[in-house]
Amino acid sequence: MVLLGIEPDRPEVEYGWIEPTISILDQFPGAIRRVQRFWEKPSAKAANTFMDQGFLWNSFVMVGCVEAFLLTIQRAVPKLFESFEAVKPALGTDREQEAVRDLYAKIDPSNFSHDVLSTRPNDFSVMPVKNVGWSDWGNPSRCIDRGHGERVFGDMVNTS
């Protein structure tokens, strides 16, 4: 599974960061690298260090085959995985809607970044993405203002 890691333009403390390690393609050393560790919302001091050491922002954009994602989820949160597996016999039947509703009523909340990425970093690789204007829109205020006087509306940017 490969994540897109955004080359940072500032030491952002509200983003998740990816600590890359060795390249998986010898002939292209900067292309796709293994992941050493994921860091969530670091302190200002840590974010400065991360930027200086070539860490990347976690875009949370991933590419991989379904089987790889499922295997990683199974290893990271086996109880959650088993809960979903138990619903499989009901899929495509008249009981599907009720079975899924019951499942979601019983399972504990889960956070993919914390419960899967952080516990299974070796299951992921990262491809650095450079020279792009990128913002994590996890916070509603970032959808309105990029911090440079730009108002963002969908894919349009208005700098006036």
C-alpha atoms as a PDB file:
ATOM      1  CA  MET A   1       0.000   0.000   0.000  1.00  0.00           C
ATOM      2  CA  VAL A   2       1.365   3.381  -0.975  1.00  0.00           C
ATOM      3  CA  LEU A   3       0.484   6.719   0.592  1.00  0.00           C
ATOM      4  CA  LEU A   4       1.009  10.085  -1.041  1.00  0.00           C
ATOM      5  CA  GLY A   5       3.278  12.082   1.266  1.00  0.00           C
ATOM      6  CA  ILE A   6       3.205  15.823   0.697  1.00  0.00           C
ATOM      7  CA  GLU A   7       6.490  17.726   0.892  1.00  0.00           C
ATOM      8  CA  PRO A   8       5.797  20.325   3.598  1.00  0.00           C
ATOM      9  CA  ASP A   9       6.149  24.062   3.089  1.00  0.00           C
ATOM     10  CA  ARG A  10       5.838  24.853   6.803  1.00  0.00           C
ATOM     11  CA  PRO A  11       6.150  23.025  10.143  1.00  0.00           C
ATOM     12  CA  GLU A  12       2.415  22.301  10.501  1.00  0.00           C
ATOM     13  CA  VAL A  13       1.312  21.085  13.943  1.00  0.00           C
ATOM     14  CA  GLU A  14      -2.258  20.176  12.934  1.00  0.00           C
ATOM     15  CA  TYR A  15      -1.283  17.560  10.346  1.00  0.00           C
ATOM     16  CA  GLY A  16      -0.133  13.982  10.560  1.00  0.00           C
ATOM     17  CA  TRP A  17       3.455  13.376   9.441  1.00  0.00           C
ATOM     18  CA  ILE A  18       5.158  10.397   7.798  1.00  0.00           C
ATOM     19  CA  GLU A  19       8.737   9.485   8.665  1.00  0.00           C
ATOM     20  CA  PRO A  20      10.110   7.856   5.521  1.00  0.00           C
ATOM     21  CA  THR A  21      13.061   5.493   5.461  1.00  0.00           C
ATOM     22  CA  ILE A  22      14.875   3.594   2.679  1.00  0.00           C
ATOM     23  CA  SER A  23      13.781   3.570  -0.944  1.00  0.00           C
ATOM     24  CA  ILE A  24      12.136   0.424  -2.262  1.00  0.00           C
ATOM     25  CA  LEU A  25      13.358   1.192  -5.789  1.00  0.00           C
ATOM     26  CA  ASP A  26      17.177   1.242  -5.895  1.00  0.00           C
ATOM     27  CA  GLN A  27      17.341   2.948  -9.282  1.00  0.00           C
ATOM     28  CA  PHE A  28      14.969   5.730  -8.121  1.00  0.00           C
ATOM     29  CA  PRO A  29      16.087   6.556  -4.535  1.00  0.00           C
ATOM     30  CA  GLY A  30      13.472   9.258  -3.870  1.00  0.00           C
ATOM     31  CA  ALA A  31      10.517   7.652  -5.632  1.00  0.00           C
ATOM     32  CA  ILE A  32       8.826   5.309  -3.151  1.00  0.00           C
ATOM     33  CA  ARG A  33      10.151   4.780   0.337  1.00  0.00           C
ATOM     34  CA  ARG A  34       9.259   2.547   3.244  1.00  0.00           C
ATOM     35  CA  VAL A  35       7.531   4.115   6.235  1.00  0.00           C
ATOM     36  CA  GLN A  36       9.413   4.148   9.517  1.00  0.00           C
ATOM     37  CA  ARG A  37       6.683   5.773  11.602  1.00  0.00           C
ATOM     38  CA  PHE A  38       3.561   7.934  11.555  1.00  0.00           C
ATOM     39  CA  TRP A  39       3.372  11.005  13.799  1.00  0.00           C
ATOM     40  CA  GLU A  40       0.069  12.712  14.650  1.00  0.00           C
ATOM     41  CA  LYS A  41      -0.168  16.430  15.365  1.00  0.00           C
ATOM     42  CA  PRO A  42       3.343  17.071  16.706  1.00  0.00           C
ATOM     43  CA  SER A  43       4.534  19.959  18.839  1.00  0.00           C
ATOM     44  CA  ALA A  44       5.962  23.014  17.037  1.00  0.00           C
ATOM     45  CA  LYS A  45       9.489  21.948  17.945  1.00  0.00           C
ATOM     46  CA  ALA A  46       8.924  18.415  16.611  1.00  0.00           C
ATOM     47  CA  ALA A  47       7.280  19.734  13.405  1.00  0.00           C
ATOM     48  CA  ASN A  48      10.347  21.909  12.743  1.00  0.00           C
ATOM     49  CA  THR A  49      12.601  18.888  13.267  1.00  0.00           C
ATOM     50  CA  PHE A  50      10.400  16.731  11.010  1.00  0.00           C
ATOM     51  CA  MET A  51      10.573  19.327   8.243  1.00  0.00           C
ATOM     52  CA  ASP A  52      14.369  19.610   8.561  1.00  0.00           C
ATOM     53  CA  GLN A  53      14.725  15.812   8.402  1.00  0.00           C
ATOM     54  CA  GLY A  54      12.619  15.394   5.249  1.00  0.00           C
ATOM     55  CA  PHE A  55       9.448  13.985   6.805  1.00  0.00           C
ATOM     56  CA  LEU A  56       6.244  14.337   4.766  1.00  0.00           C
ATOM     57  CA  TRP A  57       2.695  15.382   5.531  1.00  0.00           C
ATOM     58  CA  ASN A  58       0.240  12.491   5.532  1.00  0.00           C
ATOM     59  CA  SER A  59      -2.281  13.233   2.771  1.00  0.00           C
ATOM     60  CA  PHE A  60      -4.223  10.108   3.741  1.00  0.00           C
ATOM     61  CA  VAL A  61      -4.494   9.349   0.010  1.00  0.00           C
ATOM     62  CA  MET A  62      -3.638   5.662  -0.409  1.00  0.00           C
ATOM     63  CA  VAL A  63      -3.405   3.157  -3.213  1.00  0.00           C
ATOM     64  CA  GLY A  64      -3.348  -0.583  -2.717  1.00  0.00           C
ATOM     65  CA  CYS A  65      -5.231  -3.785  -3.337  1.00  0.00           C
ATOM     66  CA  VAL A  66      -8.220  -4.548  -1.137  1.00  0.00           C
ATOM     67  CA  GLU A  67      -6.619  -7.735   0.179  1.00  0.00           C
ATOM     68  CA  ALA A  68      -3.611  -5.803   1.510  1.00  0.00           C
ATOM     69  CA  PHE A  69      -5.817  -3.283   3.308  1.00  0.00           C
ATOM     70  CA  LEU A  70      -7.955  -6.037   4.818  1.00  0.00           C
ATOM     71  CA  LEU A  71      -4.926  -8.017   5.992  1.00  0.00           C
ATOM     72  CA  THR A  72      -3.431  -4.921   7.641  1.00  0.00           C
ATOM     73  CA  ILE A  73      -6.732  -4.099   9.331  1.00  0.00           C
ATOM     74  CA  GLN A  74      -7.068  -7.712  10.482  1.00  0.00           C
ATOM     75  CA  ARG A  75      -3.598  -7.588  12.046  1.00  0.00           C
ATOM     76  CA  ALA A  76      -4.032  -4.133  13.589  1.00  0.00           C
ATOM     77  CA  VAL A  77      -7.580  -4.421  14.953  1.00  0.00           C
ATOM     78  CA  PRO A  78      -8.523  -8.113  14.896  1.00  0.00           C
ATOM     79  CA  LYS A  79     -11.637  -7.718  17.048  1.00  0.00           C
ATOM     80  CA  LEU A  80     -13.051  -5.065  14.709  1.00  0.00           C
ATOM     81  CA  PHE A  81     -12.185  -7.176  11.661  1.00  0.00           C
ATOM     82  CA  GLU A  82     -13.918 -10.224  13.167  1.00  0.00           C
ATOM     83  CA  SER A  83     -17.031  -8.139  13.874  1.00  0.00           C
ATOM     84  CA  PHE A  84     -17.319  -7.265  10.199  1.00  0.00           C
ATOM     85  CA  GLU A  85     -16.561 -10.830   9.115  1.00  0.00           C
ATOM     86  CA  ALA A  86     -19.524 -12.015  11.208  1.00  0.00           C
ATOM     87  CA  VAL A  87     -21.870  -9.917   9.050  1.00  0.00           C
ATOM     88  CA  LYS A  88     -20.747 -11.472   5.752  1.00  0.00           C
ATOM     89  CA  PRO A  89     -23.399 -14.246   5.683  1.00  0.00           C
ATOM     90  CA  ALA A  90     -26.146 -11.613   5.849  1.00  0.00           C
ATOM     91  CA  LEU A  91     -24.829  -9.554   2.912  1.00  0.00           C
ATOM     92  CA  GLY A  92     -27.104  -9.728  -0.101  1.00  0.00           C
ATOM     93  CA  THR A  93     -29.999 -11.118   1.935  1.00  0.00           C
ATOM     94  CA  ASP A  94     -33.110  -9.617   3.513  1.00  0.00           C
ATOM     95  CA  ARG A  95     -31.184  -9.493   6.821  1.00  0.00           C
ATOM     96  CA  GLU A  96     -28.340  -7.316   5.484  1.00  0.00           C
ATOM     97  CA  GLN A  97     -29.667  -3.938   6.616  1.00  0.00           C
ATOM     98  CA  GLU A  98     -30.503  -5.176  10.109  1.00  0.00           C
ATOM     99  CA  ALA A  99     -27.184  -7.023  10.488  1.00  0.00           C
ATOM    100  CA  VAL A 100     -25.161  -3.960   9.474  1.00  0.00           C
ATOM    101  CA  ARG A 101     -27.205  -1.677  11.745  1.00  0.00           C
ATOM    102  CA  ASP A 102     -26.671  -4.076  14.664  1.00  0.00           C
ATOM    103  CA  LEU A 103     -22.943  -4.266  13.921  1.00  0.00           C
ATOM    104  CA  TYR A 104     -22.507  -0.490  13.985  1.00  0.00           C
ATOM    105  CA  ALA A 105     -24.534  -0.228  17.182  1.00  0.00           C
ATOM    106  CA  LYS A 106     -22.168  -2.657  18.942  1.00  0.00           C
ATOM    107  CA  ILE A 107     -18.663  -1.779  17.730  1.00  0.00           C
ATOM    108  CA  ASP A 108     -16.426   0.698  19.505  1.00  0.00           C
ATOM    109  CA  PRO A 109     -15.252   3.793  17.653  1.00  0.00           C
ATOM    110  CA  SER A 110     -11.996   3.325  15.782  1.00  0.00           C
ATOM    111  CA  ASN A 111      -9.471   5.735  14.281  1.00  0.00           C
ATOM    112  CA  PHE A 112      -7.651   4.463  11.189  1.00  0.00           C
ATOM    113  CA  SER A 113      -4.630   6.730  11.751  1.00  0.00           C
ATOM    114  CA  HIS A 114      -4.177   5.725  15.365  1.00  0.00           C
ATOM    115  CA  ASP A 115      -5.348   2.106  15.276  1.00  0.00           C
ATOM    116  CA  VAL A 116      -3.990   0.982  11.905  1.00  0.00           C
ATOM    117  CA  LEU A 117      -1.367   3.333  10.432  1.00  0.00           C
ATOM    118  CA  SER A 118       0.471   3.952  13.695  1.00  0.00           C
ATOM    119  CA  THR A 119       0.533   0.284  14.655  1.00  0.00           C
ATOM    120  CA  ARG A 120       1.442  -1.110  11.203  1.00  0.00           C
ATOM    121  CA  PRO A 121       3.834   1.431   9.553  1.00  0.00           C
ATOM    122  CA  ASN A 122       5.885  -1.327   7.918  1.00  0.00           C
ATOM    123  CA  ASP A 123       2.841  -2.349   5.883  1.00  0.00           C
ATOM    124  CA  PHE A 124       2.970   0.996   4.035  1.00  0.00           C
ATOM    125  CA  SER A 125       5.233   2.844   1.644  1.00  0.00           C
ATOM    126  CA  VAL A 126       5.167   6.536   0.805  1.00  0.00           C
ATOM    127  CA  MET A 127       5.586   8.356  -2.483  1.00  0.00           C
ATOM    128  CA  PRO A 128       6.758  11.956  -1.985  1.00  0.00           C
ATOM    129  CA  VAL A 129       4.674  14.582  -3.778  1.00  0.00           C
ATOM    130  CA  LYS A 130       6.502  17.868  -4.326  1.00  0.00           C
ATOM    131  CA  ASN A 131       5.535  21.373  -5.397  1.00  0.00           C
ATOM    132  CA  VAL A 132       1.784  21.106  -4.922  1.00  0.00           C
ATOM    133  CA  GLY A 133      -0.545  23.452  -3.077  1.00  0.00           C
ATOM    134  CA  TRP A 134      -2.104  21.086  -0.568  1.00  0.00           C
ATOM    135  CA  SER A 135      -4.218  21.555   2.520  1.00  0.00           C
ATOM    136  CA  ASP A 136      -5.690  19.050   4.935  1.00  0.00           C
ATOM    137  CA  TRP A 137      -9.356  20.031   5.057  1.00  0.00           C
ATOM    138  CA  GLY A 138      -9.985  18.130   8.300  1.00  0.00           C
ATOM    139  CA  ASN A 139     -10.646  21.474   9.946  1.00  0.00           C
ATOM    140  CA  PRO A 140     -13.548  23.491   8.424  1.00  0.00           C
ATOM    141  CA  SER A 141     -11.630  26.767   8.667  1.00  0.00           C
ATOM    142  CA  ARG A 142      -9.032  25.411   6.213  1.00  0.00           C
ATOM    143  CA  CYS A 143     -11.751  25.077   3.568  1.00  0.00           C
ATOM    144  CA  ILE A 144     -12.314  28.826   3.764  1.00  0.00           C
ATOM    145  CA  ASP A 145      -8.837  30.281   4.243  1.00  0.00           C
ATOM    146  CA  ARG A 146      -5.481  28.773   3.354  1.00  0.00           C
ATOM    147  CA  GLY A 147      -3.702  31.314   5.552  1.00  0.00           C
ATOM    148  CA  HIS A 148      -2.490  33.375   2.596  1.00  0.00           C
ATOM    149  CA  GLY A 149      -5.643  35.415   2.043  1.00  0.00           C
ATOM    150  CA  GLU A 150      -6.994  32.849  -0.394  1.00  0.00           C
ATOM    151  CA  ARG A 151     -10.634  31.844  -0.229  1.00  0.00           C
ATOM    152  CA  VAL A 152     -11.224  28.297  -1.387  1.00  0.00           C
ATOM    153  CA  PHE A 153     -14.497  27.142  -2.927  1.00  0.00           C
ATOM    154  CA  GLY A 154     -14.335  23.540  -4.096  1.00  0.00           C
ATOM    155  CA  ASP A 155     -11.481  23.402  -6.601  1.00  0.00           C
ATOM    156  CA  MET A 156     -11.404  27.152  -7.221  1.00  0.00           C
ATOM    157  CA  VAL A 157      -9.023  29.501  -5.461  1.00  0.00           C
ATOM    158  CA  ASN A 158      -9.775  33.224  -5.248  1.00  0.00           C
ATOM    159  CA  THR A 159      -6.800  35.352  -4.222  1.00  0.00           C
ATOM    160  CA  SER A 160      -8.606  38.693  -4.386  1.00  0.00           C
END
